[in-house]
PDB file of N, CA and C in Angstrom:
ATOM      1  N   UNK A   1     130.054 123.306  77.053  1.00  0.00           N
ATOM      2  CA  UNK A   1     131.410 123.448  77.557  1.00  0.00           C
ATOM      3  C   UNK A   1     131.409 124.320  78.809  1.00  0.00           C
ATOM      4  N   UNK A   2     132.271 123.995  79.723  1.00  0.00           N
ATOM      5  CA  UNK A   2     132.494 124.796  80.922  1.00  0.00           C
ATOM      6  C   UNK A   2     133.879 125.410  80.819  1.00  0.00           C
ATOM      7  N   UNK A   3     133.985 126.679  81.178  1.00  0.00           N
ATOM      8  CA  UNK A   3     135.290 127.341  81.194  1.00  0.00           C
ATOM      9  C   UNK A   3     135.667 127.635  82.640  1.00  0.00           C
ATOM     10  N   UNK A   4     136.947 127.866  82.867  1.00  0.00           N
ATOM     11  CA  UNK A   4     137.415 128.184  84.216  1.00  0.00           C
ATOM     12  C   UNK A   4     138.290 129.427  84.175  1.00  0.00           C
ATOM     13  N   UNK A   5     138.292 130.160  85.259  1.00  0.00           N
ATOM     14  CA  UNK A   5     139.155 131.332  85.365  1.00  0.00           C
ATOM     15  C   UNK A   5     140.542 130.892  85.824  1.00  0.00           C
ATOM     16  N   UNK A   6     141.495 131.785  85.734  1.00  0.00           N
ATOM     17  CA  UNK A   6     142.855 131.479  86.188  1.00  0.00           C
ATOM     18  C   UNK A   6     142.890 131.173  87.687  1.00  0.00           C
ATOM     19  N   UNK A   7     142.086 131.887  88.479  1.00  0.00           N
ATOM     20  CA  UNK A   7     142.050 131.629  89.923  1.00  0.00           C
ATOM     21  C   UNK A   7     141.500 130.240  90.224  1.00  0.00           C
ATOM     22  N   UNK A   8     140.464 129.830  89.486  1.00  0.00           N
ATOM     23  CA  UNK A   8     139.902 128.490  89.682  1.00  0.00           C
ATOM     24  C   UNK A   8     140.914 127.427  89.273  1.00  0.00           C
ATOM     25  N   UNK A   9     141.611 127.656  88.171  1.00  0.00           N
ATOM     26  CA  UNK A   9     142.627 126.702  87.728  1.00  0.00           C
ATOM     27  C   UNK A   9     143.700 126.517  88.798  1.00  0.00           C
ATOM     28  N   UNK A  10     144.172 127.603  89.358  1.00  0.00           N
ATOM     29  CA  UNK A  10     145.209 127.547  90.376  1.00  0.00           C
ATOM     30  C   UNK A  10     144.743 126.745  91.590  1.00  0.00           C
ATOM     31  N   UNK A  11     143.518 126.979  92.048  1.00  0.00           N
ATOM     32  CA  UNK A  11     143.004 126.267  93.216  1.00  0.00           C
ATOM     33  C   UNK A  11     142.787 124.786  92.896  1.00  0.00           C
ATOM     34  N   UNK A  12     142.286 124.471  91.719  1.00  0.00           N
ATOM     35  CA  UNK A  12     142.083 123.076  91.308  1.00  0.00           C
ATOM     36  C   UNK A  12     143.405 122.334  91.293  1.00  0.00           C
ATOM     37  N   UNK A  13     144.439 122.963  90.754  1.00  0.00           N
ATOM     38  CA  UNK A  13     145.756 122.311  90.698  1.00  0.00           C
ATOM     39  C   UNK A  13     146.303 122.038  92.092  1.00  0.00           C
ATOM     40  N   UNK A  14     146.032 122.910  93.052  1.00  0.00           N
ATOM     41  CA  UNK A  14     146.495 122.702  94.429  1.00  0.00           C
ATOM     42  C   UNK A  14     145.747 121.552  95.107  1.00  0.00           C
ATOM     43  N   UNK A  15     144.486 121.360  94.754  1.00  0.00           N
ATOM     44  CA  UNK A  15     143.650 120.354  95.403  1.00  0.00           C
ATOM     45  C   UNK A  15     143.663 118.990  94.711  1.00  0.00           C
ATOM     46  N   UNK A  16     144.018 118.939  93.452  1.00  0.00           N
ATOM     47  CA  UNK A  16     143.805 117.754  92.621  1.00  0.00           C
ATOM     48  C   UNK A  16     144.528 116.499  93.087  1.00  0.00           C
ATOM     49  N   UNK A  17     145.724 116.536  93.524  1.00  0.00           N
ATOM     50  CA  UNK A  17     146.548 115.399  93.929  1.00  0.00           C
ATOM     51  C   UNK A  17     146.636 114.371  92.804  1.00  0.00           C
ATOM     52  N   UNK A  18     146.144 113.140  93.016  1.00  0.00           N
ATOM     53  CA  UNK A  18     146.318 112.067  92.034  1.00  0.00           C
ATOM     54  C   UNK A  18     145.146 111.884  91.082  1.00  0.00           C
ATOM     55  N   UNK A  19     144.149 112.719  91.156  1.00  0.00           N
ATOM     56  CA  UNK A  19     142.969 112.571  90.307  1.00  0.00           C
ATOM     57  C   UNK A  19     143.283 112.971  88.868  1.00  0.00           C
ATOM     58  N   UNK A  20     142.632 112.298  87.934  1.00  0.00           N
ATOM     59  CA  UNK A  20     142.829 112.582  86.513  1.00  0.00           C
ATOM     60  C   UNK A  20     142.008 113.763  86.023  1.00  0.00           C
ATOM     61  N   UNK A  21     140.853 113.992  86.653  1.00  0.00           N
ATOM     62  CA  UNK A  21     140.001 115.080  86.171  1.00  0.00           C
ATOM     63  C   UNK A  21     139.069 115.568  87.272  1.00  0.00           C
ATOM     64  N   UNK A  22     138.445 116.710  86.986  1.00  0.00           N
ATOM     65  CA  UNK A  22     137.460 117.322  87.872  1.00  0.00           C
ATOM     66  C   UNK A  22     136.077 116.927  87.369  1.00  0.00           C
ATOM     67  N   UNK A  23     135.272 116.312  88.229  1.00  0.00           N
ATOM     68  CA  UNK A  23     133.899 115.977  87.869  1.00  0.00           C
ATOM     69  C   UNK A  23     132.996 117.101  88.375  1.00  0.00           C
ATOM     70  N   UNK A  24     132.263 117.712  87.453  1.00  0.00           N
ATOM     71  CA  UNK A  24     131.345 118.799  87.765  1.00  0.00           C
ATOM     72  C   UNK A  24     129.934 118.258  87.554  1.00  0.00           C
ATOM     73  N   UNK A  25     129.068 118.443  88.544  1.00  0.00           N
ATOM     74  CA  UNK A  25     127.727 117.883  88.393  1.00  0.00           C
ATOM     75  C   UNK A  25     126.685 118.738  89.112  1.00  0.00           C
ATOM     76  N   UNK A  26     125.444 118.384  88.847  1.00  0.00           N
ATOM     77  CA  UNK A  26     124.286 119.023  89.455  1.00  0.00           C
ATOM     78  C   UNK A  26     123.496 117.928  90.153  1.00  0.00           C
ATOM     79  N   UNK A  27     123.017 118.227  91.354  1.00  0.00           N
ATOM     80  CA  UNK A  27     122.165 117.281  92.065  1.00  0.00           C
ATOM     81  C   UNK A  27     120.983 118.027  92.658  1.00  0.00           C
ATOM     82  N   UNK A  28     119.911 117.323  92.915  1.00  0.00           N
ATOM     83  CA  UNK A  28     118.745 117.942  93.531  1.00  0.00           C
ATOM     84  C   UNK A  28     119.054 118.369  94.953  1.00  0.00           C
ATOM     85  N   UNK A  29     118.533 119.512  95.366  1.00  0.00           N
ATOM     86  CA  UNK A  29     118.722 119.983  96.729  1.00  0.00           C
ATOM     87  C   UNK A  29     119.073 121.451  96.773  1.00  0.00           C
ATOM     88  N   UNK A  30     119.344 121.928  97.940  1.00  0.00           N
ATOM     89  CA  UNK A  30     119.662 123.340  98.112  1.00  0.00           C
ATOM     90  C   UNK A  30     118.393 124.168  98.180  1.00  0.00           C
ATOM     91  N   UNK A  31     118.522 125.413  98.546  1.00  0.00           N
ATOM     92  CA  UNK A  31     117.344 126.256  98.737  1.00  0.00           C
ATOM     93  C   UNK A  31     116.683 126.687  97.430  1.00  0.00           C
ATOM     94  N   UNK A  32     117.356 126.505  96.293  1.00  0.00           N
ATOM     95  CA  UNK A  32     116.745 126.873  95.013  1.00  0.00           C
ATOM     96  C   UNK A  32     116.365 125.661  94.166  1.00  0.00           C
ATOM     97  N   UNK A  33     116.635 124.458  94.657  1.00  0.00           N
ATOM     98  CA  UNK A  33     116.190 123.260  93.941  1.00  0.00           C
ATOM     99  C   UNK A  33     117.290 122.398  93.368  1.00  0.00           C
ATOM    100  N   UNK A  34     118.363 122.995  92.878  1.00  0.00           N
ATOM    101  CA  UNK A  34     119.487 122.251  92.306  1.00  0.00           C
ATOM    102  C   UNK A  34     120.789 122.766  92.916  1.00  0.00           C
ATOM    103  N   UNK A  35     121.705 121.858  93.204  1.00  0.00           N
ATOM    104  CA  UNK A  35     122.988 122.231  93.802  1.00  0.00           C
ATOM    105  C   UNK A  35     124.143 121.846  92.902  1.00  0.00           C
ATOM    106  N   UNK A  36     125.190 122.654  92.934  1.00  0.00           N
ATOM    107  CA  UNK A  36     126.428 122.347  92.218  1.00  0.00           C
ATOM    108  C   UNK A  36     127.266 121.377  93.045  1.00  0.00           C
ATOM    109  N   UNK A  37     128.002 120.522  92.362  1.00  0.00           N
ATOM    110  CA  UNK A  37     128.880 119.586  93.062  1.00  0.00           C
ATOM    111  C   UNK A  37     130.186 119.450  92.289  1.00  0.00           C
ATOM    112  N   UNK A  38     131.303 119.488  92.999  1.00  0.00           N
ATOM    113  CA  UNK A  38     132.638 119.296  92.428  1.00  0.00           C
ATOM    114  C   UNK A  38     133.315 118.133  93.132  1.00  0.00           C
ATOM    115  N   UNK A  39     133.911 117.239  92.360  1.00  0.00           N
ATOM    116  CA  UNK A  39     134.664 116.103  92.892  1.00  0.00           C
ATOM    117  C   UNK A  39     135.852 115.855  91.980  1.00  0.00           C
ATOM    118  N   UNK A  40     136.867 115.234  92.530  1.00  0.00           N
ATOM    119  CA  UNK A  40     137.967 114.745  91.699  1.00  0.00           C
ATOM    120  C   UNK A  40     137.719 113.270  91.445  1.00  0.00           C
ATOM    121  N   UNK A  41     138.054 112.797  90.230  1.00  0.00           N
ATOM    122  CA  UNK A  41     137.716 111.429  89.852  1.00  0.00           C
ATOM    123  C   UNK A  41     138.778 110.880  88.902  1.00  0.00           C
ATOM    124  N   UNK A  42     138.808 109.571  88.795  1.00  0.00           N
ATOM    125  CA  UNK A  42     139.714 108.882  87.873  1.00  0.00           C
ATOM    126  C   UNK A  42     138.981 107.965  86.900  1.00  0.00           C
ATOM    127  N   UNK A  43     137.669 107.773  87.100  1.00  0.00           N
ATOM    128  CA  UNK A  43     136.918 106.833  86.270  1.00  0.00           C
ATOM    129  C   UNK A  43     135.840 107.533  85.480  1.00  0.00           C
ATOM    130  N   UNK A  44     135.845 107.312  84.160  1.00  0.00           N
ATOM    131  CA  UNK A  44     134.784 107.826  83.306  1.00  0.00           C
ATOM    132  C   UNK A  44     133.573 106.906  83.420  1.00  0.00           C
ATOM    133  N   UNK A  45     132.388 107.482  83.322  1.00  0.00           N
ATOM    134  CA  UNK A  45     131.140 106.720  83.352  1.00  0.00           C
ATOM    135  C   UNK A  45     130.481 106.822  81.986  1.00  0.00           C
ATOM    136  N   UNK A  46     129.620 105.876  81.691  1.00  0.00           N
ATOM    137  CA  UNK A  46     128.916 105.851  80.417  1.00  0.00           C
ATOM    138  C   UNK A  46     128.129 107.153  80.234  1.00  0.00           C
ATOM    139  N   UNK A  47     128.306 107.819  79.111  1.00  0.00           N
ATOM    140  CA  UNK A  47     127.596 109.057  78.815  1.00  0.00           C
ATOM    141  C   UNK A  47     128.295 110.321  79.274  1.00  0.00           C
ATOM    142  N   UNK A  48     129.456 110.203  79.910  1.00  0.00           N
ATOM    143  CA  UNK A  48     130.182 111.397  80.362  1.00  0.00           C
ATOM    144  C   UNK A  48     130.596 112.269  79.185  1.00  0.00           C
ATOM    145  N   UNK A  49     130.526 113.568  79.401  1.00  0.00           N
ATOM    146  CA  UNK A  49     130.989 114.558  78.428  1.00  0.00           C
ATOM    147  C   UNK A  49     132.316 115.103  78.947  1.00  0.00           C
ATOM    148  N   UNK A  50     133.340 115.114  78.096  1.00  0.00           N
ATOM    149  CA  UNK A  50     134.673 115.556  78.511  1.00  0.00           C
ATOM    150  C   UNK A  50     135.005 116.903  77.886  1.00  0.00           C
ATOM    151  N   UNK A  51     135.590 117.794  78.703  1.00  0.00           N
ATOM    152  CA  UNK A  51     136.016 119.116  78.253  1.00  0.00           C
ATOM    153  C   UNK A  51     137.368 119.434  78.870  1.00  0.00           C
ATOM    154  N   UNK A  52     138.065 120.352  78.229  1.00  0.00           N
ATOM    155  CA  UNK A  52     139.321 120.829  78.803  1.00  0.00           C
ATOM    156  C   UNK A  52     139.415 122.328  78.580  1.00  0.00           C
ATOM    157  N   UNK A  53     139.796 123.038  79.615  1.00  0.00           N
ATOM    158  CA  UNK A  53     140.025 124.473  79.524  1.00  0.00           C
ATOM    159  C   UNK A  53     141.223 124.804  80.395  1.00  0.00           C
ATOM    160  N   UNK A  54     142.134 125.567  79.852  1.00  0.00           N
ATOM    161  CA  UNK A  54     143.353 125.960  80.571  1.00  0.00           C
ATOM    162  C   UNK A  54     144.093 124.736  81.138  1.00  0.00           C
ATOM    163  N   UNK A  55     144.103 123.663  80.362  1.00  0.00           N
ATOM    164  CA  UNK A  55     144.795 122.419  80.701  1.00  0.00           C
ATOM    165  C   UNK A  55     144.189 121.701  81.909  1.00  0.00           C
ATOM    166  N   UNK A  56     142.944 122.011  82.247  1.00  0.00           N
ATOM    167  CA  UNK A  56     142.225 121.310  83.306  1.00  0.00           C
ATOM    168  C   UNK A  56     141.137 120.476  82.640  1.00  0.00           C
ATOM    169  N   UNK A  57     141.208 119.160  82.831  1.00  0.00           N
ATOM    170  CA  UNK A  57     140.217 118.265  82.261  1.00  0.00           C
ATOM    171  C   UNK A  57     139.017 118.197  83.195  1.00  0.00           C
ATOM    172  N   UNK A  58     137.815 118.387  82.608  1.00  0.00           N
ATOM    173  CA  UNK A  58     136.570 118.343  83.360  1.00  0.00           C
ATOM    174  C   UNK A  58     135.629 117.345  82.714  1.00  0.00           C
ATOM    175  N   UNK A  59     134.843 116.670  83.527  1.00  0.00           N
ATOM    176  CA  UNK A  59     133.895 115.671  83.056  1.00  0.00           C
ATOM    177  C   UNK A  59     132.532 115.964  83.672  1.00  0.00           C
ATOM    178  N   UNK A  60     131.482 115.864  82.853  1.00  0.00           N
ATOM    179  CA  UNK A  60     130.108 116.064  83.308  1.00  0.00           C
ATOM    180  C   UNK A  60     129.254 114.919  82.798  1.00  0.00           C
ATOM    181  N   UNK A  61     128.296 114.477  83.616  1.00  0.00           N
ATOM    182  CA  UNK A  61     127.313 113.534  83.093  1.00  0.00           C
ATOM    183  C   UNK A  61     126.366 114.335  82.203  1.00  0.00           C
ATOM    184  N   UNK A  62     125.607 113.652  81.350  1.00  0.00           N
ATOM    185  CA  UNK A  62     124.779 114.339  80.353  1.00  0.00           C
ATOM    186  C   UNK A  62     123.714 115.224  81.004  1.00  0.00           C
ATOM    187  N   UNK A  63     123.079 114.781  82.095  1.00  0.00           N
ATOM    188  CA  UNK A  63     122.058 115.597  82.766  1.00  0.00           C
ATOM    189  C   UNK A  63     122.671 116.903  83.271  1.00  0.00           C
ATOM    190  N   UNK A  64     123.834 116.809  83.896  1.00  0.00           N
ATOM    191  CA  UNK A  64     124.493 118.004  84.410  1.00  0.00           C
ATOM    192  C   UNK A  64     124.916 118.930  83.285  1.00  0.00           C
ATOM    193  N   UNK A  65     125.376 118.347  82.176  1.00  0.00           N
ATOM    194  CA  UNK A  65     125.785 119.152  81.029  1.00  0.00           C
ATOM    195  C   UNK A  65     124.634 120.030  80.541  1.00  0.00           C
ATOM    196  N   UNK A  66     123.423 119.488  80.530  1.00  0.00           N
ATOM    197  CA  UNK A  66     122.264 120.258  80.063  1.00  0.00           C
ATOM    198  C   UNK A  66     122.023 121.490  80.936  1.00  0.00           C
ATOM    199  N   UNK A  67     122.288 121.391  82.226  1.00  0.00           N
ATOM    200  CA  UNK A  67     122.113 122.516  83.139  1.00  0.00           C
ATOM    201  C   UNK A  67     123.315 123.462  83.157  1.00  0.00           C
ATOM    202  N   UNK A  68     124.503 122.969  82.818  1.00  0.00           N
ATOM    203  CA  UNK A  68     125.730 123.745  83.012  1.00  0.00           C
ATOM    204  C   UNK A  68     126.414 124.221  81.727  1.00  0.00           C
ATOM    205  N   UNK A  69     125.867 123.919  80.568  1.00  0.00           N
ATOM    206  CA  UNK A  69     126.492 124.356  79.315  1.00  0.00           C
ATOM    207  C   UNK A  69     126.678 125.869  79.323  1.00  0.00           C
ATOM    208  N   UNK A  70     127.889 126.316  79.052  1.00  0.00           N
ATOM    209  CA  UNK A  70     128.194 127.739  79.012  1.00  0.00           C
ATOM    210  C   UNK A  70     128.595 128.344  80.347  1.00  0.00           C
ATOM    211  N   UNK A  71     128.672 127.529  81.383  1.00  0.00           N
ATOM    212  CA  UNK A  71     129.001 128.013  82.728  1.00  0.00           C
ATOM    213  C   UNK A  71     130.492 128.294  82.876  1.00  0.00           C
ATOM    214  N   UNK A  72     130.822 129.309  83.651  1.00  0.00           N
ATOM    215  CA  UNK A  72     132.212 129.609  83.997  1.00  0.00           C
ATOM    216  C   UNK A  72     132.419 129.301  85.476  1.00  0.00           C
ATOM    217  N   UNK A  73     133.498 128.589  85.774  1.00  0.00           N
ATOM    218  CA  UNK A  73     133.852 128.259  87.150  1.00  0.00           C
ATOM    219  C   UNK A  73     134.939 129.221  87.612  1.00  0.00           C
ATOM    220  N   UNK A  74     134.695 129.884  88.725  1.00  0.00           N
ATOM    221  CA  UNK A  74     135.630 130.860  89.275  1.00  0.00           C
ATOM    222  C   UNK A  74     135.937 130.464  90.715  1.00  0.00           C
ATOM    223  N   UNK A  75     136.964 131.078  91.285  1.00  0.00           N
ATOM    224  CA  UNK A  75     137.290 130.870  92.691  1.00  0.00           C
ATOM    225  C   UNK A  75     137.498 132.231  93.333  1.00  0.00           C
ATOM    226  N   UNK A  76     136.896 132.404  94.513  1.00  0.00           N
ATOM    227  CA  UNK A  76     137.024 133.658  95.249  1.00  0.00           C
ATOM    228  C   UNK A  76     137.664 133.376  96.596  1.00  0.00           C
ATOM    229  N   UNK A  77     138.596 134.219  96.974  1.00  0.00           N
ATOM    230  CA  UNK A  77     139.196 134.091  98.301  1.00  0.00           C
ATOM    231  C   UNK A  77     139.148 135.431  99.026  1.00  0.00           C
ATOM    232  N   UNK A  78     138.122 136.192  98.716  1.00  0.00           N
ATOM    233  CA  UNK A  78     137.987 137.527  99.295  1.00  0.00           C
ATOM    234  C   UNK A  78     137.258 137.540 100.619  1.00  0.00           C
ATOM    235  N   UNK A  79     136.991 138.723 101.105  1.00  0.00           N
ATOM    236  CA  UNK A  79     136.331 138.917 102.393  1.00  0.00           C
ATOM    237  C   UNK A  79     134.872 138.467 102.391  1.00  0.00           C
ATOM    238  N   UNK A  80     134.248 138.436 101.225  1.00  0.00           N
ATOM    239  CA  UNK A  80     132.839 138.052 101.140  1.00  0.00           C
ATOM    240  C   UNK A  80     132.645 136.544 101.082  1.00  0.00           C
ATOM    241  N   UNK A  81     133.679 135.789 101.231  1.00  0.00           N
ATOM    242  CA  UNK A  81     133.550 134.337 101.198  1.00  0.00           C
ATOM    243  C   UNK A  81     134.616 133.708 100.335  1.00  0.00           C
ATOM    244  N   UNK A  82     134.921 132.487 100.673  1.00  0.00           N
ATOM    245  CA  UNK A  82     135.955 131.748  99.974  1.00  0.00           C
ATOM    246  C   UNK A  82     135.336 130.508  99.361  1.00  0.00           C
ATOM    247  N   UNK A  83     135.654 130.240  98.106  1.00  0.00           N
ATOM    248  CA  UNK A  83     135.153 129.028  97.477  1.00  0.00           C
ATOM    249  C   UNK A  83     134.957 129.195  95.992  1.00  0.00           C
ATOM    250  N   UNK A  84     134.525 128.100  95.383  1.00  0.00           N
ATOM    251  CA  UNK A  84     134.248 128.093  93.954  1.00  0.00           C
ATOM    252  C   UNK A  84     132.895 128.732  93.691  1.00  0.00           C
ATOM    253  N   UNK A  85     132.822 129.499  92.604  1.00  0.00           N
ATOM    254  CA  UNK A  85     131.589 130.170  92.192  1.00  0.00           C
ATOM    255  C   UNK A  85     131.251 129.738  90.774  1.00  0.00           C
ATOM    256  N   UNK A  86     129.980 129.489  90.534  1.00  0.00           N
ATOM    257  CA  UNK A  86     129.502 129.120  89.205  1.00  0.00           C
ATOM    258  C   UNK A  86     128.776 130.301  88.606  1.00  0.00           C
ATOM    259  N   UNK A  87     129.238 130.761  87.440  1.00  0.00           N
ATOM    260  CA  UNK A  87     128.539 131.805  86.705  1.00  0.00           C
ATOM    261  C   UNK A  87     127.788 131.074  85.600  1.00  0.00           C
ATOM    262  N   UNK A  88     126.506 130.803  85.878  1.00  0.00           N
ATOM    263  CA  UNK A  88     125.704 129.919  85.043  1.00  0.00           C
ATOM    264  C   UNK A  88     124.651 130.717  84.278  1.00  0.00           C
ATOM    265  N   UNK A  89     124.799 130.827  82.943  1.00  0.00           N
ATOM    266  CA  UNK A  89     123.824 131.584  82.164  1.00  0.00           C
ATOM    267  C   UNK A  89     122.466 130.892  82.067  1.00  0.00           C
ATOM    268  N   UNK A  90     122.383 129.623  82.450  1.00  0.00           N
ATOM    269  CA  UNK A  90     121.132 128.870  82.375  1.00  0.00           C
ATOM    270  C   UNK A  90     120.274 129.030  83.627  1.00  0.00           C
ATOM    271  N   UNK A  91     120.833 129.562  84.694  1.00  0.00           N
ATOM    272  CA  UNK A  91     120.102 129.702  85.953  1.00  0.00           C
ATOM    273  C   UNK A  91     119.149 130.885  85.883  1.00  0.00           C
ATOM    274  N   UNK A  92     117.888 130.626  86.191  1.00  0.00           N
ATOM    275  CA  UNK A  92     116.917 131.721  86.226  1.00  0.00           C
ATOM    276  C   UNK A  92     116.885 132.368  87.605  1.00  0.00           C
ATOM    277  N   UNK A  93     117.339 131.599  88.620  1.00  0.00           N
ATOM    278  CA  UNK A  93     117.348 132.099  89.991  1.00  0.00           C
ATOM    279  C   UNK A  93     118.455 131.385  90.747  1.00  0.00           C
ATOM    280  N   UNK A  94     119.169 132.111  91.590  1.00  0.00           N
ATOM    281  CA  UNK A  94     120.208 131.527  92.439  1.00  0.00           C
ATOM    282  C   UNK A  94     119.947 131.935  93.876  1.00  0.00           C
ATOM    283  N   UNK A  95     120.396 131.091  94.802  1.00  0.00           N
ATOM    284  CA  UNK A  95     120.228 131.434  96.211  1.00  0.00           C
ATOM    285  C   UNK A  95     121.302 132.444  96.619  1.00  0.00           C
ATOM    286  N   UNK A  96     121.158 133.007  97.780  1.00  0.00           N
ATOM    287  CA  UNK A  96     122.088 134.016  98.267  1.00  0.00           C
ATOM    288  C   UNK A  96     123.508 133.497  98.449  1.00  0.00           C
ATOM    289  N   UNK A  97     123.655 132.220  98.796  1.00  0.00           N
ATOM    290  CA  UNK A  97     124.989 131.672  99.016  1.00  0.00           C
ATOM    291  C   UNK A  97     125.670 131.264  97.713  1.00  0.00           C
ATOM    292  N   UNK A  98     124.913 131.177  96.605  1.00  0.00           N
ATOM    293  CA  UNK A  98     125.479 130.830  95.316  1.00  0.00           C
ATOM    294  C   UNK A  98     125.737 129.341  95.127  1.00  0.00           C
ATOM    295  N   UNK A  99     125.272 128.526  96.056  1.00  0.00           N
ATOM    296  CA  UNK A  99     125.513 127.090  95.948  1.00  0.00           C
ATOM    297  C   UNK A  99     124.367 126.315  95.319  1.00  0.00           C
ATOM    298  N   UNK A 100     123.229 126.974  95.097  1.00  0.00           N
ATOM    299  CA  UNK A 100     122.117 126.307  94.436  1.00  0.00           C
ATOM    300  C   UNK A 100     121.445 127.266  93.460  1.00  0.00           C
ATOM    301  N   UNK A 101     120.657 126.673  92.556  1.00  0.00           N
ATOM    302  CA  UNK A 101     120.030 127.465  91.501  1.00  0.00           C
ATOM    303  C   UNK A 101     118.782 126.743  90.998  1.00  0.00           C
ATOM    304  N   UNK A 102     118.019 127.428  90.172  1.00  0.00           N
ATOM    305  CA  UNK A 102     116.895 126.817  89.481  1.00  0.00           C
ATOM    306  C   UNK A 102     116.904 127.321  88.044  1.00  0.00           C
ATOM    307  N   UNK A 103     116.215 126.584  87.177  1.00  0.00           N
ATOM    308  CA  UNK A 103     116.137 126.957  85.765  1.00  0.00           C
ATOM    309  C   UNK A 103     114.699 127.155  85.356  1.00  0.00           C
TER     310      UNK A 103
END
């Protein structure tokens, strides 16, 4: 399961428009080997895992779920940078920008 903070929920609601859910995934790349990816989507795919937290529906493919189980999604709009942050207990190493990780 992925949880979200109140700040992340607020930003997701502002960006969502007509999408039914937030797709959270992991893809190869970035300076640490794996990168986080967020998209809005309306179509479920075979094997998708569905979660809801704070009335925000999130969907992950099974591979991404294995890397992201227990992760918290936050949003920062402070002086040190603006954007979504992943607090991932499965990451053994993260890059300085926080956009990629390794396990």
